């Protein structure tokens, strides 16, 4: 929690009696609700809000917890997680990752790594690699621009020259944490390590985002290969 202290904070409290006094601790420390860190040069960096948790179905998800785990990975330069709208669960966790120069990691590699480190409800349902995060002038990730980025990536439809199988295979690769080239139309849950219950839900959500509609129960039950 980025918690500054300054005489101006006391002045702010005096001038604005409606301010949430619970945020001002003993000694004049202000709990901002922002997640921050101090680098070796003494500069403070704000990463996002601590109060950004949201409900996905009936489960409470903390985007910052997932982001913090990714930032500890040696080949990850930066990351940001956010909630995106989902027709089935209300909201889903989506994560954008910036890799360090020279890294050869794929999104599927990161998903496989996160499966070892995170509980299922903290796994991003969508994970994309980007060149940079959308930052504002203060250095904070701009949530609206990040959601627009995911909207562009996830609702892209079938592009010229792509078959439905190509798109579906890419969605499956992201959901199961495997390389798209390793998947075939003959694969089943028993032949793909990441095709567990969580992976299946993620796969269904990805298909629904691509198709722009909610799949029926019969269609979901028929997704065996």
C-alpha atoms as a PDB file:
ATOM      1  CA  UNK A   1       0.000   0.000   0.000  1.00  0.00           C
ATOM      2  CA  UNK A   2       1.559   3.298  -1.121  1.00  0.00           C
ATOM      3  CA  UNK A   3       1.312   5.309   2.116  1.00  0.00           C
ATOM      4  CA  UNK A   4       2.754   8.854   1.988  1.00  0.00           C
ATOM      5  CA  UNK A   5       3.037  11.378   4.813  1.00  0.00           C
ATOM      6  CA  UNK A   6       3.250  15.139   4.367  1.00  0.00           C
ATOM      7  CA  UNK A   7       1.967  18.316   5.986  1.00  0.00           C
ATOM      8  CA  UNK A   8      -0.240  18.840   2.949  1.00  0.00           C
ATOM      9  CA  UNK A   9      -2.174  15.715   3.890  1.00  0.00           C
ATOM     10  CA  UNK A  10      -3.107  17.258   7.241  1.00  0.00           C
ATOM     11  CA  UNK A  11      -4.127  20.407   5.353  1.00  0.00           C
ATOM     12  CA  UNK A  12      -6.235  18.322   2.980  1.00  0.00           C
ATOM     13  CA  UNK A  13      -7.954  16.673   5.930  1.00  0.00           C
ATOM     14  CA  UNK A  14      -8.696  20.081   7.469  1.00  0.00           C
ATOM     15  CA  UNK A  15     -10.013  21.626   4.259  1.00  0.00           C
ATOM     16  CA  UNK A  16     -12.095  18.590   3.261  1.00  0.00           C
ATOM     17  CA  UNK A  17     -13.850  17.233   6.350  1.00  0.00           C
ATOM     18  CA  UNK A  18     -15.786  14.783   4.160  1.00  0.00           C
ATOM     19  CA  UNK A  19     -12.577  12.869   3.335  1.00  0.00           C
ATOM     20  CA  UNK A  20     -12.498   9.251   4.534  1.00  0.00           C
ATOM     21  CA  UNK A  21     -10.687   9.638   7.855  1.00  0.00           C
ATOM     22  CA  UNK A  22     -10.103   5.891   8.023  1.00  0.00           C
ATOM     23  CA  UNK A  23      -7.539   6.325   5.269  1.00  0.00           C
ATOM     24  CA  UNK A  24      -5.406   8.641   7.406  1.00  0.00           C
ATOM     25  CA  UNK A  25      -3.459   6.630   9.970  1.00  0.00           C
ATOM     26  CA  UNK A  26      -1.834   7.835  13.179  1.00  0.00           C
ATOM     27  CA  UNK A  27       1.010  10.195  12.443  1.00  0.00           C
ATOM     28  CA  UNK A  28      -0.563  11.572   9.265  1.00  0.00           C
ATOM     29  CA  UNK A  29       0.113   8.578   7.003  1.00  0.00           C
ATOM     30  CA  UNK A  30      -2.381   8.437   4.130  1.00  0.00           C
ATOM     31  CA  UNK A  31      -3.439   4.991   2.868  1.00  0.00           C
ATOM     32  CA  UNK A  32      -3.960   5.734  -0.818  1.00  0.00           C
ATOM     33  CA  UNK A  33      -5.252   2.308  -1.826  1.00  0.00           C
ATOM     34  CA  UNK A  34      -2.609   2.171  -4.568  1.00  0.00           C
ATOM     35  CA  UNK A  35      -0.155  -0.715  -4.910  1.00  0.00           C
ATOM     36  CA  UNK A  36       3.371   0.690  -5.174  1.00  0.00           C
ATOM     37  CA  UNK A  37       7.036  -0.164  -4.907  1.00  0.00           C
ATOM     38  CA  UNK A  38      10.332   1.682  -4.440  1.00  0.00           C
ATOM     39  CA  UNK A  39      13.223   0.878  -6.775  1.00  0.00           C
ATOM     40  CA  UNK A  40      16.915   0.875  -5.875  1.00  0.00           C
ATOM     41  CA  UNK A  41      17.203   4.555  -6.857  1.00  0.00           C
ATOM     42  CA  UNK A  42      14.463   5.573  -4.459  1.00  0.00           C
ATOM     43  CA  UNK A  43      11.806   6.224  -7.086  1.00  0.00           C
ATOM     44  CA  UNK A  44       8.236   5.216  -6.229  1.00  0.00           C
ATOM     45  CA  UNK A  45       6.238   3.396  -8.876  1.00  0.00           C
ATOM     46  CA  UNK A  46       2.465   2.983  -8.671  1.00  0.00           C
ATOM     47  CA  UNK A  47       1.287  -0.327 -10.164  1.00  0.00           C
ATOM     48  CA  UNK A  48      -2.463  -0.156  -9.680  1.00  0.00           C
ATOM     49  CA  UNK A  49      -5.263  -0.244  -7.153  1.00  0.00           C
ATOM     50  CA  UNK A  50      -5.371  -2.600  -4.181  1.00  0.00           C
ATOM     51  CA  UNK A  51      -9.135  -2.268  -4.215  1.00  0.00           C
ATOM     52  CA  UNK A  52      -9.576  -3.627  -7.747  1.00  0.00           C
ATOM     53  CA  UNK A  53     -10.909  -7.074  -6.739  1.00  0.00           C
ATOM     54  CA  UNK A  54     -14.024  -8.250  -8.570  1.00  0.00           C
ATOM     55  CA  UNK A  55     -16.449 -11.152  -8.680  1.00  0.00           C
ATOM     56  CA  UNK A  56     -16.094 -13.754 -11.447  1.00  0.00           C
ATOM     57  CA  UNK A  57     -19.140 -15.920 -11.067  1.00  0.00           C
ATOM     58  CA  UNK A  58     -19.255 -16.505  -7.314  1.00  0.00           C
ATOM     59  CA  UNK A  59     -15.488 -16.197  -6.792  1.00  0.00           C
ATOM     60  CA  UNK A  60     -13.587 -13.072  -5.692  1.00  0.00           C
ATOM     61  CA  UNK A  61     -10.555 -12.390  -7.909  1.00  0.00           C
ATOM     62  CA  UNK A  62      -7.680 -10.030  -7.077  1.00  0.00           C
ATOM     63  CA  UNK A  63      -5.976  -8.833 -10.297  1.00  0.00           C
ATOM     64  CA  UNK A  64      -3.012  -7.365  -8.440  1.00  0.00           C
ATOM     65  CA  UNK A  65      -2.155 -10.746  -6.892  1.00  0.00           C
ATOM     66  CA  UNK A  66      -1.803 -12.305 -10.343  1.00  0.00           C
ATOM     67  CA  UNK A  67       0.176  -9.331 -11.627  1.00  0.00           C
ATOM     68  CA  UNK A  68       2.558  -9.493  -8.656  1.00  0.00           C
ATOM     69  CA  UNK A  69       3.381 -13.146  -9.374  1.00  0.00           C
ATOM     70  CA  UNK A  70       4.131 -12.379 -13.027  1.00  0.00           C
ATOM     71  CA  UNK A  71       6.379  -9.460 -12.178  1.00  0.00           C
ATOM     72  CA  UNK A  72       8.594 -11.802 -10.188  1.00  0.00           C
ATOM     73  CA  UNK A  73       9.287 -13.923 -13.262  1.00  0.00           C
ATOM     74  CA  UNK A  74      12.830 -13.233 -14.591  1.00  0.00           C
ATOM     75  CA  UNK A  75      11.770 -12.806 -18.228  1.00  0.00           C
ATOM     76  CA  UNK A  76       8.793 -10.539 -17.495  1.00  0.00           C
ATOM     77  CA  UNK A  77       9.446  -6.789 -17.686  1.00  0.00           C
ATOM     78  CA  UNK A  78       5.962  -5.711 -16.626  1.00  0.00           C
ATOM     79  CA  UNK A  79       2.389  -6.934 -16.437  1.00  0.00           C
ATOM     80  CA  UNK A  80      -1.116  -5.673 -15.740  1.00  0.00           C
ATOM     81  CA  UNK A  81      -4.336  -7.520 -14.976  1.00  0.00           C
ATOM     82  CA  UNK A  82      -7.900  -6.305 -15.219  1.00  0.00           C
ATOM     83  CA  UNK A  83     -11.494  -7.503 -15.330  1.00  0.00           C
ATOM     84  CA  UNK A  84     -13.201  -7.820 -18.710  1.00  0.00           C
ATOM     85  CA  UNK A  85     -16.892  -8.421 -19.314  1.00  0.00           C
ATOM     86  CA  UNK A  86     -18.028 -11.999 -19.873  1.00  0.00           C
ATOM     87  CA  UNK A  87     -21.527 -13.099 -20.843  1.00  0.00           C
ATOM     88  CA  UNK A  88     -21.367 -16.226 -18.688  1.00  0.00           C
ATOM     89  CA  UNK A  89     -19.521 -15.254 -15.486  1.00  0.00           C
ATOM     90  CA  UNK A  90     -20.026 -11.499 -15.506  1.00  0.00           C
ATOM     91  CA  UNK A  91     -16.311 -10.705 -15.456  1.00  0.00           C
ATOM     92  CA  UNK A  92     -13.091 -12.543 -16.253  1.00  0.00           C
ATOM     93  CA  UNK A  93      -9.462 -11.904 -15.368  1.00  0.00           C
ATOM     94  CA  UNK A  94      -7.386 -10.746 -18.322  1.00  0.00           C
ATOM     95  CA  UNK A  95      -3.643 -10.118 -18.184  1.00  0.00           C
ATOM     96  CA  UNK A  96      -1.257  -8.290 -20.503  1.00  0.00           C
ATOM     97  CA  UNK A  97       2.462  -9.046 -20.243  1.00  0.00           C
ATOM     98  CA  UNK A  98       5.529  -7.201 -21.521  1.00  0.00           C
ATOM     99  CA  UNK A  99       8.536  -9.506 -21.877  1.00  0.00           C
ATOM    100  CA  UNK A 100      12.141  -8.465 -21.417  1.00  0.00           C
ATOM    101  CA  UNK A 101      14.125  -7.886 -24.628  1.00  0.00           C
ATOM    102  CA  UNK A 102      15.406 -11.175 -26.027  1.00  0.00           C
ATOM    103  CA  UNK A 103      12.857 -13.341 -24.231  1.00  0.00           C
ATOM    104  CA  UNK A 104      11.444 -16.213 -26.276  1.00  0.00           C
ATOM    105  CA  UNK A 105       8.596 -17.013 -23.891  1.00  0.00           C
ATOM    106  CA  UNK A 106       5.166 -17.627 -25.364  1.00  0.00           C
ATOM    107  CA  UNK A 107       1.836 -16.889 -23.714  1.00  0.00           C
ATOM    108  CA  UNK A 108       1.361 -20.638 -23.306  1.00  0.00           C
ATOM    109  CA  UNK A 109       4.665 -20.849 -21.382  1.00  0.00           C
ATOM    110  CA  UNK A 110       3.480 -18.216 -18.929  1.00  0.00           C
ATOM    111  CA  UNK A 111       0.118 -19.920 -18.481  1.00  0.00           C
ATOM    112  CA  UNK A 112       1.844 -23.202 -17.717  1.00  0.00           C
ATOM    113  CA  UNK A 113       4.079 -21.430 -15.187  1.00  0.00           C
ATOM    114  CA  UNK A 114       1.146 -19.666 -13.515  1.00  0.00           C
ATOM    115  CA  UNK A 115      -0.657 -22.987 -13.093  1.00  0.00           C
ATOM    116  CA  UNK A 116       2.202 -23.973 -10.753  1.00  0.00           C
ATOM    117  CA  UNK A 117       2.020 -20.765  -8.717  1.00  0.00           C
ATOM    118  CA  UNK A 118      -1.611 -19.643  -8.541  1.00  0.00           C
ATOM    119  CA  UNK A 119      -4.924 -21.076  -7.373  1.00  0.00           C
ATOM    120  CA  UNK A 120      -7.367 -21.725 -10.205  1.00  0.00           C
ATOM    121  CA  UNK A 121      -9.530 -18.660  -9.548  1.00  0.00           C
ATOM    122  CA  UNK A 122      -6.474 -16.361  -9.877  1.00  0.00           C
ATOM    123  CA  UNK A 123      -5.497 -17.714 -13.281  1.00  0.00           C
ATOM    124  CA  UNK A 124      -6.024 -15.212 -16.118  1.00  0.00           C
ATOM    125  CA  UNK A 125      -8.687 -16.421 -18.508  1.00  0.00           C
ATOM    126  CA  UNK A 126      -7.006 -14.348 -21.212  1.00  0.00           C
ATOM    127  CA  UNK A 127      -3.264 -13.661 -21.386  1.00  0.00           C
ATOM    128  CA  UNK A 128      -1.686 -11.678 -24.195  1.00  0.00           C
ATOM    129  CA  UNK A 129       1.853 -10.477 -24.929  1.00  0.00           C
ATOM    130  CA  UNK A 130       2.215  -6.782 -25.760  1.00  0.00           C
ATOM    131  CA  UNK A 131       5.102  -4.475 -26.608  1.00  0.00           C
ATOM    132  CA  UNK A 132       4.064  -1.982 -23.946  1.00  0.00           C
ATOM    133  CA  UNK A 133       1.291  -1.290 -21.467  1.00  0.00           C
ATOM    134  CA  UNK A 134      -1.028   1.713 -21.915  1.00  0.00           C
ATOM    135  CA  UNK A 135       0.314   4.134 -19.307  1.00  0.00           C
ATOM    136  CA  UNK A 136      -0.877   7.593 -18.379  1.00  0.00           C
ATOM    137  CA  UNK A 137       1.296  10.603 -17.627  1.00  0.00           C
ATOM    138  CA  UNK A 138       1.619   9.479 -13.996  1.00  0.00           C
ATOM    139  CA  UNK A 139       2.977   6.082 -15.054  1.00  0.00           C
ATOM    140  CA  UNK A 140      -0.142   4.190 -13.980  1.00  0.00           C
ATOM    141  CA  UNK A 141      -1.825   1.680 -16.276  1.00  0.00           C
ATOM    142  CA  UNK A 142      -4.932   3.183 -17.847  1.00  0.00           C
ATOM    143  CA  UNK A 143      -7.706   0.671 -17.268  1.00  0.00           C
ATOM    144  CA  UNK A 144      -9.990   1.904 -20.045  1.00  0.00           C
ATOM    145  CA  UNK A 145      -7.264   1.669 -22.683  1.00  0.00           C
ATOM    146  CA  UNK A 146      -6.269  -1.766 -21.427  1.00  0.00           C
ATOM    147  CA  UNK A 147      -9.870  -2.970 -21.727  1.00  0.00           C
ATOM    148  CA  UNK A 148      -9.997  -1.566 -25.271  1.00  0.00           C
ATOM    149  CA  UNK A 149      -6.844  -3.524 -26.073  1.00  0.00           C
ATOM    150  CA  UNK A 150      -8.388  -6.758 -24.854  1.00  0.00           C
ATOM    151  CA  UNK A 151     -11.601  -5.966 -26.700  1.00  0.00           C
ATOM    152  CA  UNK A 152      -9.663  -5.636 -29.951  1.00  0.00           C
ATOM    153  CA  UNK A 153      -7.721  -8.863 -29.378  1.00  0.00           C
ATOM    154  CA  UNK A 154     -10.590 -11.027 -28.080  1.00  0.00           C
ATOM    155  CA  UNK A 155     -13.391  -9.950 -30.405  1.00  0.00           C
ATOM    156  CA  UNK A 156     -11.404 -10.100 -33.583  1.00  0.00           C
ATOM    157  CA  UNK A 157     -13.534 -12.640 -35.474  1.00  0.00           C
ATOM    158  CA  UNK A 158     -12.167 -14.735 -38.322  1.00  0.00           C
ATOM    159  CA  UNK A 159      -9.617 -12.797 -40.357  1.00  0.00           C
ATOM    160  CA  UNK A 160      -9.215 -13.161 -44.137  1.00  0.00           C
ATOM    161  CA  UNK A 161      -7.402 -16.389 -44.907  1.00  0.00           C
ATOM    162  CA  UNK A 162      -8.157 -17.906 -41.488  1.00  0.00           C
ATOM    163  CA  UNK A 163     -10.366 -20.920 -41.033  1.00  0.00           C
ATOM    164  CA  UNK A 164     -12.647 -21.441 -38.054  1.00  0.00           C
ATOM    165  CA  UNK A 165     -10.344 -24.278 -36.963  1.00  0.00           C
ATOM    166  CA  UNK A 166      -7.313 -21.962 -36.949  1.00  0.00           C
ATOM    167  CA  UNK A 167      -9.073 -19.476 -34.692  1.00  0.00           C
ATOM    168  CA  UNK A 168     -10.535 -22.171 -32.419  1.00  0.00           C
ATOM    169  CA  UNK A 169      -7.122 -23.827 -32.120  1.00  0.00           C
ATOM    170  CA  UNK A 170      -5.557 -20.526 -31.043  1.00  0.00           C
ATOM    171  CA  UNK A 171      -8.253 -20.052 -28.397  1.00  0.00           C
ATOM    172  CA  UNK A 172      -7.701 -23.629 -27.189  1.00  0.00           C
ATOM    173  CA  UNK A 173      -3.926 -23.138 -27.021  1.00  0.00           C
ATOM    174  CA  UNK A 174      -4.352 -20.068 -24.793  1.00  0.00           C
ATOM    175  CA  UNK A 175      -6.881 -21.855 -22.581  1.00  0.00           C
ATOM    176  CA  UNK A 176      -4.883 -25.064 -22.132  1.00  0.00           C
ATOM    177  CA  UNK A 177      -1.427 -23.513 -21.934  1.00  0.00           C
ATOM    178  CA  UNK A 178       0.014 -25.371 -24.922  1.00  0.00           C
ATOM    179  CA  UNK A 179       1.421 -24.420 -28.316  1.00  0.00           C
ATOM    180  CA  UNK A 180      -1.206 -24.167 -31.064  1.00  0.00           C
ATOM    181  CA  UNK A 181       0.932 -26.315 -33.377  1.00  0.00           C
ATOM    182  CA  UNK A 182       0.747 -29.140 -30.838  1.00  0.00           C
ATOM    183  CA  UNK A 183      -3.050 -29.372 -31.090  1.00  0.00           C
ATOM    184  CA  UNK A 184      -4.947 -31.422 -33.629  1.00  0.00           C
ATOM    185  CA  UNK A 185      -8.630 -31.959 -34.376  1.00  0.00           C
ATOM    186  CA  UNK A 186      -8.322 -35.430 -32.879  1.00  0.00           C
ATOM    187  CA  UNK A 187      -7.278 -34.160 -29.430  1.00  0.00           C
ATOM    188  CA  UNK A 188      -9.505 -34.809 -26.423  1.00  0.00           C
ATOM    189  CA  UNK A 189      -9.269 -33.852 -22.712  1.00  0.00           C
ATOM    190  CA  UNK A 190      -7.366 -37.076 -22.081  1.00  0.00           C
ATOM    191  CA  UNK A 191      -4.657 -36.189 -24.621  1.00  0.00           C
ATOM    192  CA  UNK A 192      -4.052 -32.546 -23.617  1.00  0.00           C
ATOM    193  CA  UNK A 193      -2.540 -31.971 -20.173  1.00  0.00           C
ATOM    194  CA  UNK A 194      -4.060 -28.523 -19.685  1.00  0.00           C
ATOM    195  CA  UNK A 195      -7.570 -29.526 -20.745  1.00  0.00           C
ATOM    196  CA  UNK A 196      -8.920 -29.726 -17.201  1.00  0.00           C
ATOM    197  CA  UNK A 197     -12.157 -28.243 -15.846  1.00  0.00           C
ATOM    198  CA  UNK A 198     -10.626 -24.767 -15.550  1.00  0.00           C
ATOM    199  CA  UNK A 199      -9.136 -24.971 -19.030  1.00  0.00           C
ATOM    200  CA  UNK A 200     -12.482 -26.099 -20.428  1.00  0.00           C
ATOM    201  CA  UNK A 201     -14.313 -23.129 -18.914  1.00  0.00           C
ATOM    202  CA  UNK A 202     -11.641 -20.794 -20.282  1.00  0.00           C
ATOM    203  CA  UNK A 203     -11.950 -22.425 -23.716  1.00  0.00           C
ATOM    204  CA  UNK A 204     -15.732 -21.995 -23.701  1.00  0.00           C
ATOM    205  CA  UNK A 205     -15.411 -18.348 -22.654  1.00  0.00           C
ATOM    206  CA  UNK A 206     -12.928 -17.716 -25.459  1.00  0.00           C
ATOM    207  CA  UNK A 207     -15.217 -19.312 -28.023  1.00  0.00           C
ATOM    208  CA  UNK A 208     -18.133 -17.212 -26.809  1.00  0.00           C
ATOM    209  CA  UNK A 209     -16.070 -14.018 -27.070  1.00  0.00           C
ATOM    210  CA  UNK A 210     -15.058 -14.958 -30.618  1.00  0.00           C
ATOM    211  CA  UNK A 211     -18.560 -15.964 -31.710  1.00  0.00           C
ATOM    212  CA  UNK A 212     -20.230 -13.057 -29.943  1.00  0.00           C
ATOM    213  CA  UNK A 213     -22.879 -15.218 -28.286  1.00  0.00           C
ATOM    214  CA  UNK A 214     -23.435 -17.562 -25.363  1.00  0.00           C
ATOM    215  CA  UNK A 215     -23.085 -21.270 -26.155  1.00  0.00           C
ATOM    216  CA  UNK A 216     -25.962 -23.542 -25.233  1.00  0.00           C
ATOM    217  CA  UNK A 217     -25.510 -26.299 -22.660  1.00  0.00           C
ATOM    218  CA  UNK A 218     -25.731 -28.891 -25.427  1.00  0.00           C
ATOM    219  CA  UNK A 219     -22.959 -27.145 -27.382  1.00  0.00           C
ATOM    220  CA  UNK A 220     -20.712 -26.946 -24.319  1.00  0.00           C
ATOM    221  CA  UNK A 221     -21.243 -30.604 -23.478  1.00  0.00           C
ATOM    222  CA  UNK A 222     -20.367 -31.485 -27.075  1.00  0.00           C
ATOM    223  CA  UNK A 223     -16.922 -29.826 -26.891  1.00  0.00           C
ATOM    224  CA  UNK A 224     -15.014 -33.055 -26.445  1.00  0.00           C
ATOM    225  CA  UNK A 225     -12.608 -32.420 -29.317  1.00  0.00           C
END
